C-alpha atoms as a PDB file:
ATOM      1  CA  MET A   1     168.623  27.429 127.333  1.00  0.00           C
ATOM      2  CA  PRO A   2     168.859  29.395 124.076  1.00  0.00           C
ATOM      3  CA  THR A   3     167.663  32.966 123.832  1.00  0.00           C
ATOM      4  CA  LEU A   4     165.771  34.631 121.030  1.00  0.00           C
ATOM      5  CA  THR A   5     166.309  38.355 120.492  1.00  0.00           C
ATOM      6  CA  ILE A   6     163.802  40.280 118.391  1.00  0.00           C
ATOM      7  CA  HIS A   7     165.366  42.919 116.164  1.00  0.00           C
ATOM      8  CA  PRO A   8     164.976  45.915 116.311  1.00  0.00           C
ATOM      9  CA  THR A   9     163.185  46.018 119.695  1.00  0.00           C
ATOM     10  CA  GLY A  10     165.845  44.024 121.547  1.00  0.00           C
ATOM     11  CA  GLU A  11     163.200  41.998 123.392  1.00  0.00           C
ATOM     12  CA  VAL A  12     164.773  38.757 124.659  1.00  0.00           C
ATOM     13  CA  ILE A  13     162.781  35.528 124.919  1.00  0.00           C
ATOM     14  CA  TYR A  14     164.119  32.513 126.819  1.00  0.00           C
ATOM     15  CA  LEU A  15     163.437  29.249 125.022  1.00  0.00           C
ATOM     16  CA  GLU A  16     163.488  25.716 126.303  1.00  0.00           C
ATOM     17  CA  THR A  17     165.861  23.322 124.574  1.00  0.00           C
ATOM     18  CA  GLY A  18     164.133  21.951 121.467  1.00  0.00           C
ATOM     19  CA  GLU A  19     161.464  24.671 121.429  1.00  0.00           C
ATOM     20  CA  THR A  20     160.578  26.390 118.155  1.00  0.00           C
ATOM     21  CA  VAL A  21     160.900  30.131 117.654  1.00  0.00           C
ATOM     22  CA  LEU A  22     157.129  30.471 117.266  1.00  0.00           C
ATOM     23  CA  SER A  23     156.346  28.413 120.359  1.00  0.00           C
ATOM     24  CA  GLY A  24     158.759  30.459 122.447  1.00  0.00           C
ATOM     25  CA  LEU A  25     157.234  33.719 121.274  1.00  0.00           C
ATOM     26  CA  TYR A  26     153.712  32.496 122.015  1.00  0.00           C
ATOM     27  CA  LYS A  27     154.747  31.147 125.402  1.00  0.00           C
ATOM     28  CA  ALA A  28     156.190  34.550 126.303  1.00  0.00           C
ATOM     29  CA  GLY A  29     152.907  36.252 125.369  1.00  0.00           C
ATOM     30  CA  TYR A  30     153.843  37.547 121.916  1.00  0.00           C
ATOM     31  CA  SER A  31     152.042  37.134 118.633  1.00  0.00           C
ATOM     32  CA  TYR A  32     152.367  37.973 114.946  1.00  0.00           C
ATOM     33  CA  THR A  33     150.798  36.794 111.714  1.00  0.00           C
ATOM     34  CA  VAL A  34     151.284  33.088 110.988  1.00  0.00           C
ATOM     35  CA  GLY A  35     149.576  30.525 108.781  1.00  0.00           C
ATOM     36  CA  CYS A  36     149.490  26.731 108.925  1.00  0.00           C
ATOM     37  CA  LYS A  37     152.073  26.275 111.749  1.00  0.00           C
ATOM     38  CA  ARG A  38     153.263  23.092 110.005  1.00  0.00           C
ATOM     39  CA  GLY A  39     156.047  24.281 107.698  1.00  0.00           C
ATOM     40  CA  GLY A  40     153.934  24.314 104.568  1.00  0.00           C
ATOM     41  CA  CYS A  41     152.818  27.863 103.835  1.00  0.00           C
ATOM     42  CA  GLY A  42     155.740  30.188 104.584  1.00  0.00           C
ATOM     43  CA  ILE A  43     153.672  32.936 106.210  1.00  0.00           C
ATOM     44  CA  CYS A  44     155.743  32.702 109.403  1.00  0.00           C
ATOM     45  CA  LYS A  45     159.066  33.421 107.651  1.00  0.00           C
ATOM     46  CA  VAL A  46     161.486  35.487 109.694  1.00  0.00           C
ATOM     47  CA  ASP A  47     165.027  36.640 108.991  1.00  0.00           C
ATOM     48  CA  CYS A  48     167.707  35.196 111.253  1.00  0.00           C
ATOM     49  CA  HIS A  49     170.451  37.811 111.728  1.00  0.00           C
ATOM     50  CA  GLY A  50     172.610  35.880 114.155  1.00  0.00           C
ATOM     51  CA  GLY A  51     172.959  32.379 115.541  1.00  0.00           C
ATOM     52  CA  THR A  52     171.991  29.053 114.037  1.00  0.00           C
ATOM     53  CA  PHE A  53     168.847  26.973 113.887  1.00  0.00           C
ATOM     54  CA  SER A  54     167.733  23.614 112.559  1.00  0.00           C
ATOM     55  CA  TYR A  55     164.484  21.955 111.602  1.00  0.00           C
ATOM     56  CA  GLU A  56     163.563  18.956 113.728  1.00  0.00           C
ATOM     57  CA  ARG A  57     160.387  18.430 111.711  1.00  0.00           C
ATOM     58  CA  PRO A  58     159.944  18.540 107.943  1.00  0.00           C
ATOM     59  CA  ILE A  59     159.195  21.699 105.987  1.00  0.00           C
ATOM     60  CA  ALA A  60     157.876  21.917 102.437  1.00  0.00           C
ATOM     61  CA  SER A  61     160.770  22.147  99.981  1.00  0.00           C
ATOM     62  CA  THR A  62     158.930  24.801  97.981  1.00  0.00           C
ATOM     63  CA  VAL A  63     158.433  27.222 100.876  1.00  0.00           C
ATOM     64  CA  ILE A  64     161.983  28.598 101.218  1.00  0.00           C
ATOM     65  CA  SER A  65     164.134  29.305  98.167  1.00  0.00           C
ATOM     66  CA  ASP A  66     167.847  28.486  98.040  1.00  0.00           C
ATOM     67  CA  GLU A  67     168.586  32.218  98.175  1.00  0.00           C
ATOM     68  CA  GLU A  68     166.454  32.630 101.304  1.00  0.00           C
ATOM     69  CA  ARG A  69     168.210  29.694 102.972  1.00  0.00           C
ATOM     70  CA  VAL A  70     171.598  31.307 102.317  1.00  0.00           C
ATOM     71  CA  ASP A  71     170.309  34.650 103.628  1.00  0.00           C
ATOM     72  CA  GLY A  72     169.141  33.076 106.914  1.00  0.00           C
ATOM     73  CA  THR A  73     165.398  32.945 106.359  1.00  0.00           C
ATOM     74  CA  CYS A  74     163.647  30.492 108.633  1.00  0.00           C
ATOM     75  CA  LEU A  75     160.144  29.250 109.273  1.00  0.00           C
ATOM     76  CA  SER A  76     159.464  30.202 112.867  1.00  0.00           C
ATOM     77  CA  CYS A  77     156.939  27.384 113.276  1.00  0.00           C
ATOM     78  CA  ARG A  78     159.634  24.750 112.674  1.00  0.00           C
ATOM     79  CA  ALA A  79     162.967  26.467 113.415  1.00  0.00           C
ATOM     80  CA  VAL A  80     164.626  25.289 116.625  1.00  0.00           C
ATOM     81  CA  PRO A  81     167.590  27.433 117.699  1.00  0.00           C
ATOM     82  CA  ASP A  82     170.899  25.594 118.067  1.00  0.00           C
ATOM     83  CA  THR A  83     172.415  28.714 119.654  1.00  0.00           C
ATOM     84  CA  ASP A  84     171.172  32.099 120.811  1.00  0.00           C
ATOM     85  CA  ILE A  85     169.581  33.754 117.783  1.00  0.00           C
ATOM     86  CA  THR A  86     168.378  37.158 116.633  1.00  0.00           C
ATOM     87  CA  ILE A  87     165.386  37.405 114.320  1.00  0.00           C
ATOM     88  CA  GLU A  88     163.554  40.133 112.474  1.00  0.00           C
ATOM     89  CA  LEU A  89     159.944  39.807 111.412  1.00  0.00           C
ATOM     90  CA  ARG A  90     158.902  40.514 107.841  1.00  0.00           C
ATOM     91  CA  GLY A  91     156.236  43.162 107.359  1.00  0.00           C
ATOM     92  CA  ASP A  92     154.684  42.622 110.768  1.00  0.00           C
ATOM     93  CA  ASN A  93     155.418  43.668 114.294  1.00  0.00           C
ATOM     94  CA  VAL A  94     155.477  41.361 117.247  1.00  0.00           C
ATOM     95  CA  ARG A  95     152.706  42.261 119.661  1.00  0.00           C
ATOM     96  CA  LEU A  96     152.531  41.559 123.362  1.00  0.00           C
ATOM     97  CA  VAL A  97     149.082  39.995 123.605  1.00  0.00           C
ATOM     98  CA  ASN A  98     149.330  38.504 127.080  1.00  0.00           C
ATOM     99  CA  PRO A  99     151.323  40.551 129.618  1.00  0.00           C
ATOM    100  CA  PHE A 100     150.919  37.801 132.231  1.00  0.00           C
ATOM    101  CA  LEU A 101     152.993  35.437 130.090  1.00  0.00           C
ATOM    102  CA  ARG A 102     155.763  38.029 130.024  1.00  0.00           C
ATOM    103  CA  GLN A 103     156.221  37.296 133.735  1.00  0.00           C
ATOM    104  CA  ILE A 104     156.849  33.642 132.879  1.00  0.00           C
ATOM    105  CA  ASN A 105     159.571  34.720 130.444  1.00  0.00           C
ATOM    106  CA  GLU A 106     161.115  36.795 133.246  1.00  0.00           C
ATOM    107  CA  LYS A 107     161.184  33.699 135.476  1.00  0.00           C
ATOM    108  CA  ALA A 108     162.889  31.772 132.661  1.00  0.00           C
ATOM    109  CA  ARG A 109     165.510  34.537 132.475  1.00  0.00           C
ATOM    110  CA  LEU A 110     166.161  34.240 136.208  1.00  0.00           C
ATOM    111  CA  ARG A 111     166.490  30.437 135.940  1.00  0.00           C
ATOM    112  CA  ALA A 112     168.958  30.825 133.063  1.00  0.00           C
ATOM    113  CA  GLU A 113     171.045  33.338 135.002  1.00  0.00           C
ATOM    114  CA  ALA A 114     171.047  31.087 138.082  1.00  0.00           C
ATOM    115  CA  ALA A 115     172.170  28.114 135.992  1.00  0.00           C
ATOM    116  CA  ILE A 116     175.030  30.146 134.521  1.00  0.00           C
ATOM    117  CA  ALA A 117     176.080  31.354 137.972  1.00  0.00           C
ATOM    118  CA  THR A 118     175.993  27.800 139.359  1.00  0.00           C
ATOM    119  CA  HIS A 119     178.048  26.492 136.443  1.00  0.00           C
ATOM    120  CA  THR A 120     180.612  29.278 136.903  1.00  0.00           C
ATOM    121  CA  CYS A 121     180.881  28.602 140.651  1.00  0.00           C
ATOM    122  CA  ARG A 122     181.397  24.868 140.102  1.00  0.00           C
ATOM    123  CA  GLN A 123     184.237  25.468 137.672  1.00  0.00           C
ATOM    124  CA  GLY A 124     186.044  27.714 140.121  1.00  0.00           C
ATOM    125  CA  PRO A 125     189.161  29.714 139.355  1.00  0.00           C
ATOM    126  CA  PRO A 126     191.805  28.382 136.937  1.00  0.00           C
ATOM    127  CA  SER A 127     194.213  25.845 138.464  1.00  0.00           C
ATOM    128  CA  ALA A 128     197.670  26.942 139.491  1.00  0.00           C
ATOM    129  CA  GLY A 129     200.231  26.399 136.782  1.00  0.00           C
ATOM    130  CA  THR A 130     197.788  26.926 133.938  1.00  0.00           C
ATOM    131  CA  SER A 131     197.515  30.050 131.930  1.00  0.00           C
ATOM    132  CA  GLU A 132     194.624  31.505 130.052  1.00  0.00           C
ATOM    133  CA  GLU A 133     195.413  32.880 126.655  1.00  0.00           C
END
């Protein structure tokens, strides 16, 4: 379950595998200015400061310049995080528009922490005779 951190607030959103940045933000009760939501207008551009993402659906080739691609610009309506990512909005602030949905994000955080704890417990301590470097 990848996480999305909003810079500079530090707010963390828990995304489902395959979920877009925009969908995750909406699902957690947040909003900001967007346009077509189909990868064609570029209004939902955000700057990715850490982590990686991919596009599972097409985007218009004219919406993001080569320079923006190198700098980590992504279209939040189409970008699906491959890893935990950190984004910064351009000229807009994320707004919590539905506090109830924030509770759902908190439940997602608890599920993610439980999954990590379960995975760690199943692995157990390192075997005798092996060393960790």
